[in-house]
Amino acid sequence: MRASDATILSWMVLITDIGRNFWYLTPAGVLLVLALAGLRTRSEPRERTILRAIAGHAGFVIAAVFGATIITNILKPVIGRARPELADQFGAYHFQPFTFDDLFYSFPSGHSTTIGAVTMVLILWFPRFRWLLLLVGAFLAATRVAALAHWPSDVIAGFSIGVGTTFLVARTMASRELFFRLSPGKILPDVIGFSLQK
């Protein structure tokens, strides 16, 4: 990566910050607050149904992204893997657990964790496009390697944590019929639709 001057790598570096959880937690938080505020002031059943769905799915995004971020942020200092910028000094497989230094927070990738969580959220919302969303998500996660911020295994681990955490949050919500439901023979829960006639 360091030796390459490929244009695609330059573009990947430019868009790598799309993996910051701020971009997803902030709008979801704003939507959640606005929807809850609307529920306090609206009495019309159709509007309340829509507001409940918005609040529920905004809360789902927050739980998925924030939950995955917590897992990754706990693992980083415990594992203590050196980032690629230290490769000349330590190589690719150097670990210094509990160093509490960002240079040793390579595994797993936090940006990739967020991208994995958001990818899974979108797959659950738009299951028809799951393979396209998975490809786009994997590409966006890989920008961390192009940016020389993480090793490929860091990205794979982070992306997997994001996808897995979101899946578990959705399954937990589905088991309680909270905005998702479990369908026989399907691994992924379905979004519960809401009727505008109610």
N, C-alpha and C. Protein backbone atom coordinates (compact mmCIF):
# COMPACT_ATOMS: atom_id res chain seq x y z
N MET A 1 0.83 -1.20 0.00
CA MET A 1 0.00 0.00 0.00
C MET A 1 0.86 1.26 0.00
N ARG A 2 1.90 1.23 0.79
CA ARG A 2 2.76 2.42 0.88
C ARG A 2 3.47 2.70 -0.43
N ALA A 3 3.77 1.64 -1.16
CA ALA A 3 4.53 1.81 -2.40
C ALA A 3 3.64 2.16 -3.58
N SER A 4 2.34 1.95 -3.44
CA SER A 4 1.43 2.14 -4.58
C SER A 4 1.02 3.60 -4.73
N ASP A 5 0.86 4.01 -6.00
CA ASP A 5 0.34 5.35 -6.28
C ASP A 5 -0.98 5.25 -7.05
N ALA A 6 -1.69 4.14 -6.88
CA ALA A 6 -2.95 3.92 -7.58
C ALA A 6 -3.97 4.97 -7.18
N THR A 7 -4.68 5.49 -8.17
CA THR A 7 -5.69 6.53 -7.92
C THR A 7 -6.78 6.05 -6.99
N ILE A 8 -7.18 4.78 -7.12
CA ILE A 8 -8.25 4.25 -6.28
C ILE A 8 -7.89 4.32 -4.81
N LEU A 9 -6.61 4.13 -4.49
CA LEU A 9 -6.18 4.20 -3.09
C LEU A 9 -6.30 5.61 -2.55
N SER A 10 -5.99 6.60 -3.41
CA SER A 10 -6.12 8.00 -2.99
C SER A 10 -7.58 8.32 -2.67
N TRP A 11 -8.48 7.82 -3.50
CA TRP A 11 -9.91 8.05 -3.25
C TRP A 11 -10.36 7.34 -1.99
N MET A 12 -9.85 6.15 -1.76
CA MET A 12 -10.22 5.41 -0.55
C MET A 12 -9.78 6.16 0.71
N VAL A 13 -8.59 6.75 0.65
CA VAL A 13 -8.10 7.54 1.79
C VAL A 13 -9.00 8.75 2.04
N LEU A 14 -9.47 9.37 0.96
CA LEU A 14 -10.32 10.55 1.09
C LEU A 14 -11.66 10.25 1.77
N ILE A 15 -12.20 9.05 1.55
CA ILE A 15 -13.52 8.74 2.09
C ILE A 15 -13.47 7.89 3.36
N THR A 16 -12.29 7.61 3.87
CA THR A 16 -12.17 6.67 4.99
C THR A 16 -12.88 7.14 6.26
N ASP A 17 -13.04 8.45 6.44
CA ASP A 17 -13.69 8.93 7.66
C ASP A 17 -15.20 8.73 7.66
N ILE A 18 -15.73 8.12 6.60
CA ILE A 18 -17.15 7.76 6.60
C ILE A 18 -17.43 6.73 7.69
N GLY A 19 -16.37 6.13 8.21
CA GLY A 19 -16.52 5.14 9.27
C GLY A 19 -16.57 5.71 10.67
N ARG A 20 -16.53 7.03 10.82
CA ARG A 20 -16.64 7.62 12.17
C ARG A 20 -18.07 7.47 12.67
N ASN A 21 -18.23 6.96 13.87
CA ASN A 21 -19.58 6.70 14.36
C ASN A 21 -20.40 7.97 14.57
N PHE A 22 -19.73 9.11 14.68
CA PHE A 22 -20.41 10.41 14.82
C PHE A 22 -21.43 10.63 13.70
N TRP A 23 -21.08 10.20 12.48
CA TRP A 23 -21.95 10.44 11.32
C TRP A 23 -23.26 9.68 11.42
N TYR A 24 -23.33 8.67 12.25
CA TYR A 24 -24.52 7.85 12.37
C TYR A 24 -25.24 8.04 13.71
N LEU A 25 -24.46 8.18 14.78
CA LEU A 25 -25.06 8.35 16.10
C LEU A 25 -25.75 9.71 16.23
N THR A 26 -25.15 10.76 15.66
CA THR A 26 -25.72 12.10 15.80
C THR A 26 -27.09 12.22 15.12
N PRO A 27 -27.22 11.88 13.81
CA PRO A 27 -28.56 11.98 13.22
C PRO A 27 -29.57 11.03 13.86
N ALA A 28 -29.12 9.83 14.26
CA ALA A 28 -30.05 8.90 14.91
C ALA A 28 -30.51 9.48 16.24
N GLY A 29 -29.60 10.10 16.98
CA GLY A 29 -29.96 10.72 18.26
C GLY A 29 -30.94 11.87 18.07
N VAL A 30 -30.70 12.69 17.06
CA VAL A 30 -31.60 13.81 16.78
C VAL A 30 -32.99 13.30 16.40
N LEU A 31 -33.03 12.27 15.53
CA LEU A 31 -34.32 11.69 15.14
C LEU A 31 -35.06 11.11 16.34
N LEU A 32 -34.32 10.45 17.21
CA LEU A 32 -34.93 9.84 18.39
C LEU A 32 -35.56 10.92 19.28
N VAL A 33 -34.82 11.99 19.54
CA VAL A 33 -35.32 13.07 20.39
C VAL A 33 -36.55 13.73 19.76
N LEU A 34 -36.47 14.01 18.45
CA LEU A 34 -37.60 14.66 17.77
C LEU A 34 -38.84 13.77 17.76
N ALA A 35 -38.62 12.47 17.52
CA ALA A 35 -39.76 11.54 17.49
C ALA A 35 -40.39 11.43 18.88
N LEU A 36 -39.57 11.33 19.92
CA LEU A 36 -40.12 11.24 21.27
C LEU A 36 -40.85 12.52 21.66
N ALA A 37 -40.29 13.66 21.23
CA ALA A 37 -40.96 14.94 21.49
C ALA A 37 -42.30 14.99 20.76
N GLY A 38 -42.32 14.50 19.54
CA GLY A 38 -43.56 14.47 18.77
C GLY A 38 -44.61 13.59 19.41
N LEU A 39 -44.18 12.47 20.01
CA LEU A 39 -45.13 11.58 20.67
C LEU A 39 -45.80 12.23 21.87
N ARG A 40 -45.11 13.20 22.47
CA ARG A 40 -45.68 13.90 23.63
C ARG A 40 -46.74 14.93 23.21
N THR A 41 -46.65 15.37 21.95
CA THR A 41 -47.55 16.45 21.53
C THR A 41 -48.60 16.01 20.51
N ARG A 42 -48.39 14.88 19.87
CA ARG A 42 -49.33 14.42 18.83
C ARG A 42 -50.32 13.41 19.41
N SER A 43 -51.56 13.53 19.01
CA SER A 43 -52.58 12.60 19.49
C SER A 43 -53.20 11.78 18.36
N GLU A 44 -52.98 12.19 17.13
CA GLU A 44 -53.57 11.48 15.97
C GLU A 44 -52.88 10.12 15.81
N PRO A 45 -53.66 9.02 15.79
CA PRO A 45 -53.07 7.67 15.79
C PRO A 45 -52.09 7.41 14.66
N ARG A 46 -52.38 7.87 13.46
CA ARG A 46 -51.48 7.62 12.33
C ARG A 46 -50.12 8.29 12.57
N GLU A 47 -50.13 9.52 13.03
CA GLU A 47 -48.88 10.23 13.30
C GLU A 47 -48.10 9.55 14.41
N ARG A 48 -48.81 9.10 15.44
CA ARG A 48 -48.13 8.44 16.56
C ARG A 48 -47.49 7.12 16.13
N THR A 49 -48.14 6.40 15.23
CA THR A 49 -47.58 5.15 14.71
C THR A 49 -46.28 5.41 13.96
N ILE A 50 -46.29 6.44 13.13
CA ILE A 50 -45.08 6.79 12.37
C ILE A 50 -43.97 7.25 13.31
N LEU A 51 -44.32 8.08 14.28
CA LEU A 51 -43.32 8.58 15.23
C LEU A 51 -42.73 7.46 16.07
N ARG A 52 -43.57 6.48 16.46
CA ARG A 52 -43.06 5.34 17.22
C ARG A 52 -42.06 4.53 16.39
N ALA A 53 -42.38 4.34 15.10
CA ALA A 53 -41.47 3.59 14.22
C ALA A 53 -40.15 4.33 14.05
N ILE A 54 -40.21 5.65 13.88
CA ILE A 54 -38.98 6.44 13.74
C ILE A 54 -38.15 6.35 15.01
N ALA A 55 -38.81 6.52 16.16
CA ALA A 55 -38.09 6.44 17.43
C ALA A 55 -37.47 5.06 17.63
N GLY A 56 -38.24 4.01 17.31
CA GLY A 56 -37.74 2.65 17.49
C GLY A 56 -36.53 2.34 16.64
N HIS A 57 -36.58 2.74 15.38
CA HIS A 57 -35.45 2.43 14.49
C HIS A 57 -34.26 3.35 14.73
N ALA A 58 -34.51 4.58 15.18
CA ALA A 58 -33.39 5.44 15.57
C ALA A 58 -32.70 4.84 16.79
N GLY A 59 -33.49 4.36 17.74
CA GLY A 59 -32.92 3.69 18.91
C GLY A 59 -32.16 2.44 18.53
N PHE A 60 -32.66 1.71 17.55
CA PHE A 60 -31.97 0.51 17.05
C PHE A 60 -30.59 0.87 16.49
N VAL A 61 -30.52 1.93 15.68
CA VAL A 61 -29.24 2.36 15.11
C VAL A 61 -28.27 2.73 16.24
N ILE A 62 -28.75 3.46 17.23
CA ILE A 62 -27.88 3.87 18.34
C ILE A 62 -27.38 2.65 19.10
N ALA A 63 -28.28 1.72 19.41
CA ALA A 63 -27.88 0.52 20.14
C ALA A 63 -26.88 -0.31 19.36
N ALA A 64 -27.09 -0.44 18.05
CA ALA A 64 -26.20 -1.25 17.21
C ALA A 64 -24.83 -0.62 17.09
N VAL A 65 -24.78 0.64 16.70
CA VAL A 65 -23.49 1.30 16.47
C VAL A 65 -22.75 1.51 17.79
N PHE A 66 -23.45 1.99 18.80
CA PHE A 66 -22.80 2.26 20.08
C PHE A 66 -22.36 0.96 20.75
N GLY A 67 -23.22 -0.06 20.68
CA GLY A 67 -22.86 -1.35 21.27
C GLY A 67 -21.63 -1.96 20.63
N ALA A 68 -21.58 -1.93 19.31
CA ALA A 68 -20.41 -2.46 18.60
C ALA A 68 -19.15 -1.65 18.92
N THR A 69 -19.31 -0.33 19.03
CA THR A 69 -18.17 0.54 19.35
C THR A 69 -17.61 0.23 20.73
N ILE A 70 -18.49 -0.03 21.70
CA ILE A 70 -18.03 -0.36 23.05
C ILE A 70 -17.20 -1.64 23.03
N ILE A 71 -17.69 -2.66 22.32
CA ILE A 71 -16.96 -3.93 22.25
C ILE A 71 -15.57 -3.70 21.67
N THR A 72 -15.50 -2.98 20.55
CA THR A 72 -14.22 -2.72 19.91
C THR A 72 -13.29 -1.91 20.80
N ASN A 73 -13.83 -0.90 21.46
CA ASN A 73 -12.99 -0.05 22.31
C ASN A 73 -12.49 -0.77 23.56
N ILE A 74 -13.19 -1.81 23.98
CA ILE A 74 -12.68 -2.64 25.08
C ILE A 74 -11.55 -3.53 24.58
N LEU A 75 -11.73 -4.08 23.37
CA LEU A 75 -10.73 -5.02 22.83
C LEU A 75 -9.42 -4.35 22.45
N LYS A 76 -9.48 -3.13 21.94
CA LYS A 76 -8.26 -2.45 21.45
C LYS A 76 -7.13 -2.44 22.47
N PRO A 77 -7.32 -1.89 23.68
CA PRO A 77 -6.20 -1.87 24.62
C PRO A 77 -5.84 -3.24 25.18
N VAL A 78 -6.84 -4.14 25.26
CA VAL A 78 -6.57 -5.49 25.77
C VAL A 78 -5.65 -6.24 24.82
N ILE A 79 -5.88 -6.08 23.51
CA ILE A 79 -5.08 -6.78 22.50
C ILE A 79 -3.78 -6.03 22.22
N GLY A 80 -3.85 -4.73 22.07
CA GLY A 80 -2.66 -3.90 21.93
C GLY A 80 -1.83 -4.14 20.67
N ARG A 81 -2.48 -4.31 19.54
CA ARG A 81 -1.73 -4.55 18.30
C ARG A 81 -1.17 -3.24 17.75
N ALA A 82 0.09 -3.29 17.31
CA ALA A 82 0.74 -2.11 16.73
C ALA A 82 0.14 -1.78 15.37
N ARG A 83 -0.03 -0.49 15.11
CA ARG A 83 -0.58 -0.05 13.82
C ARG A 83 0.46 -0.21 12.71
N PRO A 84 0.00 -0.19 11.46
CA PRO A 84 0.92 -0.35 10.33
C PRO A 84 2.04 0.67 10.28
N GLU A 85 1.82 1.86 10.82
CA GLU A 85 2.89 2.87 10.78
C GLU A 85 4.10 2.45 11.61
N LEU A 86 3.92 1.44 12.47
CA LEU A 86 5.04 0.92 13.26
C LEU A 86 5.62 -0.36 12.67
N ALA A 87 5.21 -0.68 11.43
CA ALA A 87 5.62 -1.94 10.81
C ALA A 87 7.14 -2.05 10.68
N ASP A 88 7.81 -0.96 10.29
CA ASP A 88 9.26 -1.03 10.13
C ASP A 88 9.96 -1.31 11.46
N GLN A 89 9.35 -0.83 12.53
CA GLN A 89 9.96 -1.01 13.84
C GLN A 89 9.63 -2.36 14.46
N PHE A 90 8.37 -2.79 14.31
CA PHE A 90 7.92 -3.99 15.02
C PHE A 90 7.46 -5.14 14.12
N GLY A 91 7.16 -4.86 12.85
CA GLY A 91 6.59 -5.88 11.98
C GLY A 91 5.07 -5.91 12.11
N ALA A 92 4.45 -6.89 11.46
CA ALA A 92 3.00 -6.94 11.37
C ALA A 92 2.34 -7.61 12.57
N TYR A 93 3.10 -8.31 13.38
CA TYR A 93 2.50 -9.11 14.44
C TYR A 93 3.03 -8.74 15.83
N HIS A 94 3.10 -7.45 16.08
CA HIS A 94 3.58 -7.00 17.39
C HIS A 94 2.39 -6.58 18.25
N PHE A 95 2.37 -7.09 19.49
CA PHE A 95 1.29 -6.78 20.41
C PHE A 95 1.87 -6.27 21.74
N GLN A 96 1.28 -5.19 22.25
CA GLN A 96 1.64 -4.66 23.56
C GLN A 96 0.35 -4.37 24.32
N PRO A 97 -0.22 -5.41 24.92
CA PRO A 97 -1.50 -5.22 25.63
C PRO A 97 -1.38 -4.20 26.76
N PHE A 98 -2.48 -3.49 27.00
CA PHE A 98 -2.61 -2.52 28.07
C PHE A 98 -1.56 -1.41 28.02
N THR A 99 -1.18 -1.04 26.79
CA THR A 99 -0.24 0.07 26.60
C THR A 99 -0.98 1.40 26.69
N PHE A 100 -2.26 1.40 26.34
CA PHE A 100 -3.12 2.59 26.34
C PHE A 100 -2.52 3.73 25.52
N ASP A 101 -2.09 3.36 24.33
CA ASP A 101 -1.53 4.31 23.37
C ASP A 101 -2.19 4.00 22.03
N ASP A 102 -2.70 5.03 21.36
CA ASP A 102 -3.41 4.83 20.10
C ASP A 102 -2.58 4.08 19.06
N LEU A 103 -1.26 4.18 19.14
CA LEU A 103 -0.41 3.46 18.19
C LEU A 103 -0.52 1.95 18.35
N PHE A 104 -1.07 1.51 19.48
CA PHE A 104 -1.25 0.09 19.73
C PHE A 104 -2.73 -0.28 19.84
N TYR A 105 -3.55 0.47 19.11
CA TYR A 105 -5.00 0.22 19.09
C TYR A 105 -5.44 -0.21 17.69
N SER A 106 -4.64 -1.02 17.04
CA SER A 106 -4.94 -1.38 15.66
C SER A 106 -6.05 -2.43 15.54
N PHE A 107 -6.11 -3.37 16.47
CA PHE A 107 -7.05 -4.49 16.36
C PHE A 107 -8.08 -4.45 17.47
N PRO A 108 -9.36 -4.46 17.09
CA PRO A 108 -9.96 -4.37 15.75
C PRO A 108 -10.14 -2.92 15.32
N SER A 109 -10.44 -2.71 14.07
CA SER A 109 -10.63 -1.37 13.52
C SER A 109 -11.97 -0.78 13.96
N GLY A 110 -11.91 0.40 14.58
CA GLY A 110 -13.14 1.06 15.03
C GLY A 110 -13.99 1.56 13.88
N HIS A 111 -13.35 2.17 12.87
CA HIS A 111 -14.09 2.64 11.70
C HIS A 111 -14.80 1.46 11.01
N SER A 112 -14.09 0.35 10.88
CA SER A 112 -14.68 -0.82 10.22
C SER A 112 -15.82 -1.41 11.05
N THR A 113 -15.71 -1.31 12.36
CA THR A 113 -16.80 -1.76 13.24
C THR A 113 -18.06 -0.96 12.94
N THR A 114 -17.91 0.36 12.86
CA THR A 114 -19.06 1.23 12.57
C THR A 114 -19.64 0.90 11.20
N ILE A 115 -18.78 0.75 10.20
CA ILE A 115 -19.25 0.43 8.85
C ILE A 115 -19.98 -0.91 8.85
N GLY A 116 -19.46 -1.89 9.59
CA GLY A 116 -20.13 -3.19 9.67
C GLY A 116 -21.51 -3.06 10.30
N ALA A 117 -21.60 -2.27 11.37
CA ALA A 117 -22.90 -2.08 12.04
C ALA A 117 -23.90 -1.39 11.11
N VAL A 118 -23.46 -0.34 10.44
CA VAL A 118 -24.35 0.40 9.54
C VAL A 118 -24.74 -0.47 8.35
N THR A 119 -23.81 -1.25 7.84
CA THR A 119 -24.11 -2.16 6.73
C THR A 119 -25.22 -3.13 7.13
N MET A 120 -25.11 -3.69 8.33
CA MET A 120 -26.13 -4.65 8.77
C MET A 120 -27.47 -3.97 9.01
N VAL A 121 -27.45 -2.76 9.54
CA VAL A 121 -28.70 -2.00 9.70
C VAL A 121 -29.39 -1.86 8.34
N LEU A 122 -28.63 -1.45 7.33
CA LEU A 122 -29.20 -1.25 6.00
C LEU A 122 -29.67 -2.56 5.37
N ILE A 123 -28.93 -3.65 5.62
CA ILE A 123 -29.36 -4.95 5.10
C ILE A 123 -30.70 -5.36 5.71
N LEU A 124 -30.86 -5.09 7.00
CA LEU A 124 -32.13 -5.43 7.66
C LEU A 124 -33.27 -4.56 7.15
N TRP A 125 -32.99 -3.31 6.88
CA TRP A 125 -34.01 -2.40 6.36
C TRP A 125 -34.33 -2.67 4.90
N PHE A 126 -33.30 -3.03 4.12
CA PHE A 126 -33.46 -3.22 2.68
C PHE A 126 -32.89 -4.57 2.26
N PRO A 127 -33.49 -5.67 2.71
CA PRO A 127 -32.91 -7.00 2.46
C PRO A 127 -32.78 -7.36 0.99
N ARG A 128 -33.57 -6.76 0.14
CA ARG A 128 -33.47 -7.03 -1.30
C ARG A 128 -32.10 -6.66 -1.86
N PHE A 129 -31.45 -5.67 -1.24
CA PHE A 129 -30.16 -5.18 -1.74
C PHE A 129 -29.00 -5.65 -0.87
N ARG A 130 -29.20 -6.76 -0.13
CA ARG A 130 -28.19 -7.18 0.85
C ARG A 130 -26.81 -7.42 0.26
N TRP A 131 -26.73 -8.02 -0.92
CA TRP A 131 -25.41 -8.33 -1.48
C TRP A 131 -24.70 -7.06 -1.94
N LEU A 132 -25.43 -6.15 -2.52
CA LEU A 132 -24.84 -4.87 -2.91
C LEU A 132 -24.39 -4.10 -1.68
N LEU A 133 -25.23 -4.05 -0.66
CA LEU A 133 -24.88 -3.34 0.57
C LEU A 133 -23.66 -3.97 1.24
N LEU A 134 -23.58 -5.29 1.22
CA LEU A 134 -22.43 -5.99 1.80
C LEU A 134 -21.15 -5.65 1.05
N LEU A 135 -21.21 -5.61 -0.27
CA LEU A 135 -20.03 -5.25 -1.07
C LEU A 135 -19.59 -3.82 -0.81
N VAL A 136 -20.56 -2.89 -0.78
CA VAL A 136 -20.22 -1.48 -0.53
C VAL A 136 -19.65 -1.34 0.87
N GLY A 137 -20.25 -2.00 1.84
CA GLY A 137 -19.76 -1.93 3.21
C GLY A 137 -18.34 -2.47 3.34
N ALA A 138 -18.08 -3.61 2.70
CA ALA A 138 -16.73 -4.19 2.75
C ALA A 138 -15.71 -3.27 2.10
N PHE A 139 -16.10 -2.63 0.99
CA PHE A 139 -15.20 -1.69 0.33
C PHE A 139 -14.89 -0.50 1.25
N LEU A 140 -15.93 0.05 1.88
CA LEU A 140 -15.72 1.19 2.77
C LEU A 140 -14.86 0.82 3.97
N ALA A 141 -15.05 -0.38 4.49
CA ALA A 141 -14.21 -0.83 5.60
C ALA A 141 -12.75 -0.96 5.15
N ALA A 142 -12.55 -1.43 3.92
CA ALA A 142 -11.19 -1.62 3.40
C ALA A 142 -10.44 -0.31 3.21
N THR A 143 -11.15 0.81 3.24
CA THR A 143 -10.43 2.09 3.12
C THR A 143 -9.47 2.30 4.28
N ARG A 144 -9.69 1.61 5.38
CA ARG A 144 -8.78 1.75 6.53
C ARG A 144 -7.41 1.15 6.22
N VAL A 145 -7.38 0.14 5.37
CA VAL A 145 -6.10 -0.44 4.95
C VAL A 145 -5.41 0.53 3.99
N ALA A 146 -6.18 1.10 3.06
CA ALA A 146 -5.62 2.07 2.12
C ALA A 146 -5.07 3.28 2.84
N ALA A 147 -5.70 3.66 3.95
CA ALA A 147 -5.24 4.81 4.73
C ALA A 147 -4.04 4.46 5.62
N LEU A 148 -3.60 3.22 5.57
CA LEU A 148 -2.47 2.72 6.37
C LEU A 148 -2.73 2.86 7.87
N ALA A 149 -4.00 2.82 8.25
CA ALA A 149 -4.38 2.93 9.66
C ALA A 149 -4.55 1.56 10.30
N HIS A 150 -4.79 0.51 9.46
CA HIS A 150 -5.06 -0.82 9.99
C HIS A 150 -4.55 -1.90 9.05
N TRP A 151 -4.32 -3.07 9.63
CA TRP A 151 -4.00 -4.26 8.87
C TRP A 151 -5.31 -4.87 8.36
N PRO A 152 -5.28 -5.65 7.29
CA PRO A 152 -6.52 -6.28 6.79
C PRO A 152 -7.27 -7.08 7.85
N SER A 153 -6.55 -7.80 8.69
CA SER A 153 -7.23 -8.59 9.73
C SER A 153 -7.96 -7.70 10.74
N ASP A 154 -7.42 -6.49 11.00
CA ASP A 154 -8.10 -5.54 11.88
C ASP A 154 -9.45 -5.14 11.29
N VAL A 155 -9.45 -4.92 9.98
CA VAL A 155 -10.65 -4.49 9.28
C VAL A 155 -11.69 -5.62 9.27
N ILE A 156 -11.25 -6.83 8.98
CA ILE A 156 -12.17 -7.98 8.96
C ILE A 156 -12.79 -8.18 10.34
N ALA A 157 -11.96 -8.09 11.38
CA ALA A 157 -12.47 -8.28 12.75
C ALA A 157 -13.45 -7.17 13.11
N GLY A 158 -13.10 -5.93 12.83
CA GLY A 158 -13.98 -4.82 13.16
C GLY A 158 -15.31 -4.90 12.43
N PHE A 159 -15.25 -5.18 11.13
CA PHE A 159 -16.46 -5.29 10.32
C PHE A 159 -17.34 -6.41 10.87
N SER A 160 -16.73 -7.53 11.23
CA SER A 160 -17.49 -8.67 11.77
C SER A 160 -18.15 -8.33 13.10
N ILE A 161 -17.44 -7.59 13.94
CA ILE A 161 -18.03 -7.18 15.22
C ILE A 161 -19.25 -6.29 14.98
N GLY A 162 -19.12 -5.35 14.04
CA GLY A 162 -20.25 -4.47 13.73
C GLY A 162 -21.44 -5.23 13.21
N VAL A 163 -21.20 -6.12 12.24
CA VAL A 163 -22.29 -6.92 11.67
C VAL A 163 -22.91 -7.81 12.74
N GLY A 164 -22.08 -8.51 13.50
CA GLY A 164 -22.58 -9.43 14.52
C GLY A 164 -23.35 -8.75 15.62
N THR A 165 -22.86 -7.63 16.11
CA THR A 165 -23.55 -6.91 17.17
C THR A 165 -24.92 -6.43 16.70
N THR A 166 -24.97 -5.87 15.50
CA THR A 166 -26.24 -5.38 14.96
C THR A 166 -27.22 -6.53 14.77
N PHE A 167 -26.73 -7.65 14.28
CA PHE A 167 -27.58 -8.83 14.11
C PHE A 167 -28.17 -9.26 15.45
N LEU A 168 -27.34 -9.29 16.50
CA LEU A 168 -27.82 -9.72 17.82
C LEU A 168 -28.81 -8.72 18.40
N VAL A 169 -28.57 -7.43 18.20
CA VAL A 169 -29.52 -6.41 18.68
C VAL A 169 -30.87 -6.59 17.99
N ALA A 170 -30.85 -6.79 16.67
CA ALA A 170 -32.08 -6.97 15.91
C ALA A 170 -32.81 -8.24 16.33
N ARG A 171 -32.08 -9.33 16.54
CA ARG A 171 -32.70 -10.60 16.97
C ARG A 171 -33.31 -10.45 18.37
N THR A 172 -32.63 -9.73 19.23
CA THR A 172 -33.15 -9.50 20.58
C THR A 172 -34.44 -8.69 20.53
N MET A 173 -34.42 -7.63 19.70
CA MET A 173 -35.63 -6.83 19.54
C MET A 173 -36.75 -7.66 18.93
N ALA A 174 -36.41 -8.50 17.95
CA ALA A 174 -37.41 -9.34 17.29
C ALA A 174 -38.03 -10.34 18.25
N SER A 175 -37.24 -10.86 19.17
CA SER A 175 -37.78 -11.83 20.14
C SER A 175 -38.83 -11.19 21.04
N ARG A 176 -38.81 -9.87 21.11
CA ARG A 176 -39.79 -9.12 21.91
C ARG A 176 -40.80 -8.38 21.01
N GLU A 177 -40.73 -8.67 19.71
CA GLU A 177 -41.61 -8.02 18.73
C GLU A 177 -41.48 -6.51 18.76
N LEU A 178 -40.26 -6.03 18.98
CA LEU A 178 -39.99 -4.59 18.99
C LEU A 178 -39.43 -4.18 17.63
N PHE A 179 -40.30 -3.76 16.74
CA PHE A 179 -39.95 -3.22 15.43
C PHE A 179 -39.35 -4.25 14.47
N PHE A 180 -39.10 -5.46 14.96
CA PHE A 180 -38.64 -6.58 14.14
C PHE A 180 -39.44 -7.81 14.56
N ARG A 181 -39.47 -8.81 13.67
CA ARG A 181 -40.08 -10.09 14.03
C ARG A 181 -39.27 -11.23 13.42
N LEU A 182 -39.32 -12.37 14.08
CA LEU A 182 -38.64 -13.56 13.59
C LEU A 182 -39.61 -14.33 12.70
N SER A 183 -39.13 -14.78 11.55
CA SER A 183 -39.95 -15.56 10.63
C SER A 183 -39.37 -16.96 10.53
N PRO A 184 -40.22 -17.98 10.48
CA PRO A 184 -39.74 -19.36 10.38
C PRO A 184 -38.83 -19.54 9.15
N GLY A 185 -37.70 -20.19 9.37
CA GLY A 185 -36.79 -20.50 8.28
C GLY A 185 -35.89 -19.36 7.86
N LYS A 186 -35.99 -18.21 8.52
CA LYS A 186 -35.16 -17.07 8.16
C LYS A 186 -34.23 -16.71 9.32
N ILE A 187 -32.98 -16.44 8.98
CA ILE A 187 -32.02 -16.05 10.01
C ILE A 187 -32.18 -14.57 10.36
N LEU A 188 -32.30 -13.75 9.31
CA LEU A 188 -32.44 -12.31 9.54
C LEU A 188 -33.87 -11.97 9.94
N PRO A 189 -34.04 -11.18 10.99
CA PRO A 189 -35.40 -10.76 11.35
C PRO A 189 -35.96 -9.79 10.32
N ASP A 190 -37.28 -9.77 10.22
CA ASP A 190 -37.98 -8.86 9.31
C ASP A 190 -38.36 -7.60 10.08
N VAL A 191 -38.33 -6.48 9.36
CA VAL A 191 -38.84 -5.24 9.94
C VAL A 191 -40.35 -5.35 10.01
N ILE A 192 -40.91 -4.98 11.16
CA ILE A 192 -42.36 -4.98 11.28
C ILE A 192 -42.88 -3.73 10.62
N GLY A 193 -43.74 -3.91 9.63
CA GLY A 193 -44.34 -2.77 8.95
C GLY A 193 -45.38 -2.11 9.83
N PHE A 194 -45.67 -0.88 9.53
CA PHE A 194 -46.73 -0.20 10.27
C PHE A 194 -47.75 0.33 9.29
N SER A 195 -48.98 0.24 9.68
CA SER A 195 -50.06 0.66 8.79
C SER A 195 -50.39 2.12 8.99
N LEU A 196 -50.50 2.84 7.91
CA LEU A 196 -50.88 4.25 7.99
C LEU A 196 -52.38 4.39 8.23
N GLN A 197 -53.11 3.27 8.21
CA GLN A 197 -54.55 3.34 8.42
C GLN A 197 -54.90 3.32 9.90
N LYS A 198 -53.94 2.98 10.76
CA LYS A 198 -54.25 2.87 12.19
C LYS A 198 -54.35 4.25 12.81
